[in-house]
Amino acid sequence: DIDGTLLNTRDAVHYHAFHSAMQRVYGCENR
């Protein structure tokens, strides 16, 4: 596995990409 097994990320790149795309594509504001 990657996250929590090989490494931990100390940034919000994946997090922000997820939420911005979900808002644009689905109009979804949930977190």
All heavy atoms as atom14 arrays in JSON, in Angstrom:
{
  "sequence": "DIDGTLLNTRDAVHYHAFHSAMQRVYGCENR",
  "atom14_mask": [
    [1, 1, 1, 1, 1, 1, 1, 1, 0, 0, 0, 0, 0, 0],
    [1, 1, 1, 1, 1, 1, 1, 1, 0, 0, 0, 0, 0, 0],
    [1, 1, 1, 1, 1, 1, 1, 1, 0, 0, 0, 0, 0, 0],
    [1, 1, 1, 1, 0, 0, 0, 0, 0, 0, 0, 0, 0, 0],
    [1, 1, 1, 1, 1, 1, 1, 0, 0, 0, 0, 0, 0, 0],
    [1, 1, 1, 1, 1, 1, 1, 1, 0, 0, 0, 0, 0, 0],
    [1, 1, 1, 1, 1, 1, 1, 1, 0, 0, 0, 0, 0, 0],
    [1, 1, 1, 1, 1, 1, 1, 1, 0, 0, 0, 0, 0, 0],
    [1, 1, 1, 1, 1, 1, 1, 0, 0, 0, 0, 0, 0, 0],
    [1, 1, 1, 1, 1, 1, 1, 1, 1, 1, 1, 0, 0, 0],
    [1, 1, 1, 1, 1, 1, 1, 1, 0, 0, 0, 0, 0, 0],
    [1, 1, 1, 1, 1, 0, 0, 0, 0, 0, 0, 0, 0, 0],
    [1, 1, 1, 1, 1, 1, 1, 0, 0, 0, 0, 0, 0, 0],
    [1, 1, 1, 1, 1, 1, 1, 1, 1, 1, 0, 0, 0, 0],
    [1, 1, 1, 1, 1, 1, 1, 1, 1, 1, 1, 1, 0, 0],
    [1, 1, 1, 1, 1, 1, 1, 1, 1, 1, 0, 0, 0, 0],
    [1, 1, 1, 1, 1, 0, 0, 0, 0, 0, 0, 0, 0, 0],
    [1, 1, 1, 1, 1, 1, 1, 1, 1, 1, 1, 0, 0, 0],
    [1, 1, 1, 1, 1, 1, 1, 1, 1, 1, 0, 0, 0, 0],
    [1, 1, 1, 1, 1, 1, 0, 0, 0, 0, 0, 0, 0, 0],
    [1, 1, 1, 1, 1, 0, 0, 0, 0, 0, 0, 0, 0, 0],
    [1, 1, 1, 1, 1, 1, 1, 1, 0, 0, 0, 0, 0, 0],
    [1, 1, 1, 1, 1, 1, 1, 1, 1, 0, 0, 0, 0, 0],
    [1, 1, 1, 1, 1, 1, 1, 1, 1, 1, 1, 0, 0, 0],
    [1, 1, 1, 1, 1, 1, 1, 0, 0, 0, 0, 0, 0, 0],
    [1, 1, 1, 1, 1, 1, 1, 1, 1, 1, 1, 1, 0, 0],
    [1, 1, 1, 1, 0, 0, 0, 0, 0, 0, 0, 0, 0, 0],
    [1, 1, 1, 1, 1, 1, 0, 0, 0, 0, 0, 0, 0, 0],
    [1, 1, 1, 1, 1, 1, 1, 1, 1, 0, 0, 0, 0, 0],
    [1, 1, 1, 1, 1, 1, 1, 1, 0, 0, 0, 0, 0, 0],
    [1, 1, 1, 1, 1, 1, 1, 1, 1, 1, 1, 0, 0, 0]
  ],
  "atom14_positions": [
    [[0.87, -1.17, 0.0], [0.0, 0.0, 0.0], [0.91, 1.23, 0.0], [2.1, 1.13, 0.33], [-0.89, -0.03, 1.25], [-1.71, 1.23, 1.42], [-2.42, 1.6, 0.46], [-1.62, 1.86, 2.49], [0.0, 0.0, 0.0], [0.0, 0.0, 0.0], [0.0, 0.0, 0.0], [0.0, 0.0, 0.0], [0.0, 0.0, 0.0], [0.0, 0.0, 0.0]],
    [[0.36, 2.38, -0.36], [1.19, 3.6, -0.41], [0.99, 4.45, 0.84], [1.87, 4.55, 1.69], [0.9, 4.42, -1.69], [1.34, 3.64, -2.93], [1.63, 5.77, -1.62], [1.07, 4.36, -4.25], [0.0, 0.0, 0.0], [0.0, 0.0, 0.0], [0.0, 0.0, 0.0], [0.0, 0.0, 0.0], [0.0, 0.0, 0.0], [0.0, 0.0, 0.0]],
    [[-0.18, 5.08, 0.98], [-0.4, 6.05, 2.06], [-0.45, 5.35, 3.41], [-1.25, 4.45, 3.64], [-1.7, 6.81, 1.82], [-1.66, 7.66, 0.56], [-0.76, 8.5, 0.47], [-2.51, 7.46, -0.33], [0.0, 0.0, 0.0], [0.0, 0.0, 0.0], [0.0, 0.0, 0.0], [0.0, 0.0, 0.0], [0.0, 0.0, 0.0], [0.0, 0.0, 0.0]],
    [[0.42, 5.78, 4.31], [0.46, 5.2, 5.65], [1.33, 3.97, 5.76], [1.64, 3.53, 6.87], [0.0, 0.0, 0.0], [0.0, 0.0, 0.0], [0.0, 0.0, 0.0], [0.0, 0.0, 0.0], [0.0, 0.0, 0.0], [0.0, 0.0, 0.0], [0.0, 0.0, 0.0], [0.0, 0.0, 0.0], [0.0, 0.0, 0.0], [0.0, 0.0, 0.0]],
    [[1.73, 3.41, 4.62], [2.58, 2.21, 4.61], [3.97, 2.54, 4.09], [4.96, 2.33, 4.78], [1.94, 1.1, 3.74], [0.66, 0.76, 4.25], [2.83, -0.14, 3.72], [0.0, 0.0, 0.0], [0.0, 0.0, 0.0], [0.0, 0.0, 0.0], [0.0, 0.0, 0.0], [0.0, 0.0, 0.0], [0.0, 0.0, 0.0], [0.0, 0.0, 0.0]],
    [[4.05, 3.03, 2.87], [5.33, 3.46, 2.31], [5.66, 4.89, 2.73], [6.82, 5.21, 2.99], [5.3, 3.38, 0.79], [5.31, 1.99, 0.17], [5.04, 2.07, -1.33], [6.63, 1.28, 0.44], [0.0, 0.0, 0.0], [0.0, 0.0, 0.0], [0.0, 0.0, 0.0], [0.0, 0.0, 0.0], [0.0, 0.0, 0.0], [0.0, 0.0, 0.0]],
    [[4.64, 5.74, 2.78], [4.89, 7.16, 3.01], [3.65, 7.84, 3.56], [2.55, 7.29, 3.55], [5.31, 7.83, 1.69], [4.33, 7.71, 0.5], [3.22, 8.78, 0.53], [5.08, 7.79, -0.81], [0.0, 0.0, 0.0], [0.0, 0.0, 0.0], [0.0, 0.0, 0.0], [0.0, 0.0, 0.0], [0.0, 0.0, 0.0], [0.0, 0.0, 0.0]],
    [[3.86, 9.03, 4.05], [2.77, 9.95, 4.4], [3.03, 11.28, 3.71], [4.17, 11.75, 3.67], [2.69, 10.15, 5.92], [2.14, 8.92, 6.62], [0.97, 8.58, 6.49], [2.99, 8.23, 7.37], [0.0, 0.0, 0.0], [0.0, 0.0, 0.0], [0.0, 0.0, 0.0], [0.0, 0.0, 0.0], [0.0, 0.0, 0.0], [0.0, 0.0, 0.0]],
    [[2.0, 11.86, 3.11], [2.17, 13.14, 2.44], [1.92, 14.28, 3.43], [1.01, 14.2, 4.26], [1.24, 13.28, 1.24], [-0.11, 12.98, 1.63], [1.66, 12.32, 0.13], [0.0, 0.0, 0.0], [0.0, 0.0, 0.0], [0.0, 0.0, 0.0], [0.0, 0.0, 0.0], [0.0, 0.0, 0.0], [0.0, 0.0, 0.0], [0.0, 0.0, 0.0]],
    [[2.75, 15.32, 3.31], [2.65, 16.48, 4.2], [2.25, 17.72, 3.41], [2.8, 18.8, 3.58], [4.0, 16.71, 4.9], [4.55, 15.5, 5.64], [3.59, 14.94, 6.67], [4.18, 13.84, 7.43], [3.5, 13.07, 8.26], [2.19, 13.27, 8.43], [4.1, 12.1, 8.91], [0.0, 0.0, 0.0], [0.0, 0.0, 0.0], [0.0, 0.0, 0.0]],
    [[1.27, 17.55, 2.54], [0.8, 18.65, 1.7], [-0.7, 18.43, 1.46], [-1.28, 17.47, 1.96], [1.55, 18.65, 0.36], [1.32, 17.36, -0.41], [0.26, 17.24, -1.07], [2.17, 16.45, -0.35], [0.0, 0.0, 0.0], [0.0, 0.0, 0.0], [0.0, 0.0, 0.0], [0.0, 0.0, 0.0], [0.0, 0.0, 0.0], [0.0, 0.0, 0.0]],
    [[-1.3, 19.32, 0.7], [-2.73, 19.2, 0.43], [-3.02, 19.14, -1.07], [-4.13, 19.46, -1.51], [-3.47, 20.39, 1.05], [0.0, 0.0, 0.0], [0.0, 0.0, 0.0], [0.0, 0.0, 0.0], [0.0, 0.0, 0.0], [0.0, 0.0, 0.0], [0.0, 0.0, 0.0], [0.0, 0.0, 0.0], [0.0, 0.0, 0.0], [0.0, 0.0, 0.0]],
    [[-2.04, 18.72, -1.87], [-2.23, 18.69, -3.32], [-3.36, 17.75, -3.72], [-4.27, 18.14, -4.47], [-0.91, 18.29, -4.02], [-1.14, 18.07, -5.51], [0.15, 19.35, -3.81], [0.0, 0.0, 0.0], [0.0, 0.0, 0.0], [0.0, 0.0, 0.0], [0.0, 0.0, 0.0], [0.0, 0.0, 0.0], [0.0, 0.0, 0.0], [0.0, 0.0, 0.0]],
    [[-3.32, 16.52, -3.26], [-4.36, 15.53, -3.58], [-5.71, 16.0, -3.04], [-6.74, 15.94, -3.72], [-3.96, 14.18, -2.98], [-4.79, 13.02, -3.4], [-4.59, 11.74, -2.91], [-5.84, 12.91, -4.25], [-5.46, 10.92, -3.45], [-6.24, 11.6, -4.25], [0.0, 0.0, 0.0], [0.0, 0.0, 0.0], [0.0, 0.0, 0.0], [0.0, 0.0, 0.0]],
    [[-5.72, 16.48, -1.83], [-6.93, 16.93, -1.14], [-7.61, 18.06, -1.93], [-8.82, 18.01, -2.21], [-6.54, 17.41, 0.25], [-7.67, 17.93, 1.11], [-8.41, 17.07, 1.91], [-7.95, 19.3, 1.16], [-9.43, 17.56, 2.72], [-8.96, 19.78, 1.97], [-9.7, 18.92, 2.74], [-10.7, 19.39, 3.54], [0.0, 0.0, 0.0], [0.0, 0.0, 0.0]],
    [[-6.86, 19.07, -2.3], [-7.45, 20.21, -3.01], [-7.89, 19.81, -4.43], [-8.93, 20.28, -4.91], [-6.46, 21.38, -3.08], [-6.25, 22.05, -1.76], [-7.29, 22.37, -0.9], [-5.1, 22.47, -1.14], [-6.8, 22.95, 0.18], [-5.49, 23.02, 0.06], [0.0, 0.0, 0.0], [0.0, 0.0, 0.0], [0.0, 0.0, 0.0], [0.0, 0.0, 0.0]],
    [[-7.1, 18.96, -5.09], [-7.49, 18.51, -6.43], [-8.81, 17.75, -6.38], [-9.68, 17.93, -7.24], [-6.39, 17.63, -7.01], [0.0, 0.0, 0.0], [0.0, 0.0, 0.0], [0.0, 0.0, 0.0], [0.0, 0.0, 0.0], [0.0, 0.0, 0.0], [0.0, 0.0, 0.0], [0.0, 0.0, 0.0], [0.0, 0.0, 0.0], [0.0, 0.0, 0.0]],
    [[-8.95, 16.91, -5.38], [-10.19, 16.14, -5.21], [-11.39, 17.07, -5.07], [-12.38, 16.95, -5.81], [-10.06, 15.25, -3.97], [-11.27, 14.39, -3.68], [-11.34, 13.09, -4.13], [-12.34, 14.9, -2.95], [-12.45, 12.3, -3.86], [-13.45, 14.13, -2.68], [-13.51, 12.81, -3.14], [0.0, 0.0, 0.0], [0.0, 0.0, 0.0], [0.0, 0.0, 0.0]],
    [[-11.32, 18.01, -4.15], [-12.49, 18.84, -3.87], [-12.8, 19.8, -5.01], [-13.98, 20.02, -5.33], [-12.29, 19.61, -2.56], [-12.42, 18.75, -1.36], [-11.36, 18.46, -0.53], [-13.48, 18.06, -0.85], [-11.77, 17.67, 0.44], [-13.04, 17.41, 0.26], [0.0, 0.0, 0.0], [0.0, 0.0, 0.0], [0.0, 0.0, 0.0], [0.0, 0.0, 0.0]],
    [[-11.79, 20.37, -5.64], [-12.07, 21.31, -6.72], [-12.7, 20.58, -7.91], [-13.64, 21.09, -8.54], [-10.8, 22.05, -7.14], [-9.81, 21.15, -7.61], [0.0, 0.0, 0.0], [0.0, 0.0, 0.0], [0.0, 0.0, 0.0], [0.0, 0.0, 0.0], [0.0, 0.0, 0.0], [0.0, 0.0, 0.0], [0.0, 0.0, 0.0], [0.0, 0.0, 0.0]],
    [[-12.22, 19.38, -8.22], [-12.8, 18.62, -9.33], [-14.21, 18.17, -9.01], [-15.11, 18.19, -9.87], [-11.92, 17.42, -9.66], [0.0, 0.0, 0.0], [0.0, 0.0, 0.0], [0.0, 0.0, 0.0], [0.0, 0.0, 0.0], [0.0, 0.0, 0.0], [0.0, 0.0, 0.0], [0.0, 0.0, 0.0], [0.0, 0.0, 0.0], [0.0, 0.0, 0.0]],
    [[-14.46, 17.73, -7.79], [-15.8, 17.29, -7.4], [-16.8, 18.44, -7.49], [-17.96, 18.25, -7.88], [-15.76, 16.72, -5.98], [-14.97, 15.43, -5.86], [-15.8, 13.99, -6.57], [-16.93, 13.6, -5.25], [0.0, 0.0, 0.0], [0.0, 0.0, 0.0], [0.0, 0.0, 0.0], [0.0, 0.0, 0.0], [0.0, 0.0, 0.0], [0.0, 0.0, 0.0]],
    [[-16.34, 19.63, -7.14], [-17.24, 20.78, -7.22], [-17.54, 21.14, -8.67], [-18.69, 21.39, -9.04], [-16.59, 21.97, -6.49], [-17.57, 23.09, -6.14], [-17.92, 23.97, -7.33], [-17.07, 24.19, -8.2], [-19.14, 24.46, -7.37], [0.0, 0.0, 0.0], [0.0, 0.0, 0.0], [0.0, 0.0, 0.0], [0.0, 0.0, 0.0], [0.0, 0.0, 0.0]],
    [[-16.51, 21.12, -9.52], [-16.71, 21.48, -10.93], [-17.57, 20.46, -11.67], [-18.45, 20.82, -12.45], [-15.36, 21.61, -11.63], [-14.54, 22.81, -11.24], [-13.39, 23.04, -12.21], [-12.51, 21.89, -12.31], [-11.46, 21.68, -11.52], [-11.17, 22.54, -10.57], [-10.69, 20.61, -11.7], [0.0, 0.0, 0.0], [0.0, 0.0, 0.0], [0.0, 0.0, 0.0]],
    [[-17.32, 19.19, -11.44], [-17.97, 18.14, -12.22], [-19.35, 17.8, -11.68], [-20.31, 17.63, -12.45], [-17.08, 16.88, -12.28], [-17.8, 15.74, -13.01], [-15.76, 17.2, -12.97], [0.0, 0.0, 0.0], [0.0, 0.0, 0.0], [0.0, 0.0, 0.0], [0.0, 0.0, 0.0], [0.0, 0.0, 0.0], [0.0, 0.0, 0.0], [0.0, 0.0, 0.0]],
    [[-19.47, 17.68, -10.37], [-20.75, 17.25, -9.77], [-21.49, 18.38, -9.05], [-22.62, 18.17, -8.6], [-20.5, 16.13, -8.76], [-20.03, 14.83, -9.35], [-18.73, 14.37, -9.12], [-20.87, 14.03, -10.13], [-18.29, 13.16, -9.66], [-20.44, 12.83, -10.66], [-19.16, 12.4, -10.43], [-18.72, 11.2, -10.95], [0.0, 0.0, 0.0], [0.0, 0.0, 0.0]],
    [[-20.85, 19.55, -8.91], [-21.46, 20.61, -8.11], [-21.53, 20.22, -6.65], [-22.4, 20.69, -5.91], [0.0, 0.0, 0.0], [0.0, 0.0, 0.0], [0.0, 0.0, 0.0], [0.0, 0.0, 0.0], [0.0, 0.0, 0.0], [0.0, 0.0, 0.0], [0.0, 0.0, 0.0], [0.0, 0.0, 0.0], [0.0, 0.0, 0.0], [0.0, 0.0, 0.0]],
    [[-20.59, 19.39, -6.21], [-20.61, 18.8, -4.87], [-19.76, 19.61, -3.91], [-18.55, 19.76, -4.13], [-20.12, 17.35, -4.96], [-20.05, 16.53, -3.37], [0.0, 0.0, 0.0], [0.0, 0.0, 0.0], [0.0, 0.0, 0.0], [0.0, 0.0, 0.0], [0.0, 0.0, 0.0], [0.0, 0.0, 0.0], [0.0, 0.0, 0.0], [0.0, 0.0, 0.0]],
    [[-20.36, 20.11, -2.84], [-19.63, 20.89, -1.84], [-19.26, 20.06, -0.61], [-18.59, 20.56, 0.29], [-20.48, 22.09, -1.4], [-20.85, 23.04, -2.52], [-19.66, 23.85, -3.04], [-18.59, 23.81, -2.38], [-19.8, 24.51, -4.09], [0.0, 0.0, 0.0], [0.0, 0.0, 0.0], [0.0, 0.0, 0.0], [0.0, 0.0, 0.0], [0.0, 0.0, 0.0]],
    [[-19.7, 18.82, -0.55], [-19.39, 17.97, 0.61], [-17.89, 17.67, 0.64], [-17.22, 17.7, -0.38], [-20.19, 16.68, 0.55], [-21.67, 16.92, 0.71], [-22.34, 17.32, -0.23], [-22.18, 16.7, 1.9], [0.0, 0.0, 0.0], [0.0, 0.0, 0.0], [0.0, 0.0, 0.0], [0.0, 0.0, 0.0], [0.0, 0.0, 0.0], [0.0, 0.0, 0.0]],
    [[-17.38, 17.36, 1.84], [-15.95, 17.16, 2.04], [-15.65, 15.71, 2.39], [-16.49, 14.99, 2.92], [-15.45, 18.06, 3.18], [-15.96, 19.49, 3.13], [-15.5, 20.22, 1.89], [-14.08, 20.57, 1.97], [-13.43, 21.22, 0.99], [-14.07, 21.56, -0.13], [-12.16, 21.51, 1.12], [0.0, 0.0, 0.0], [0.0, 0.0, 0.0], [0.0, 0.0, 0.0]]
  ]
}
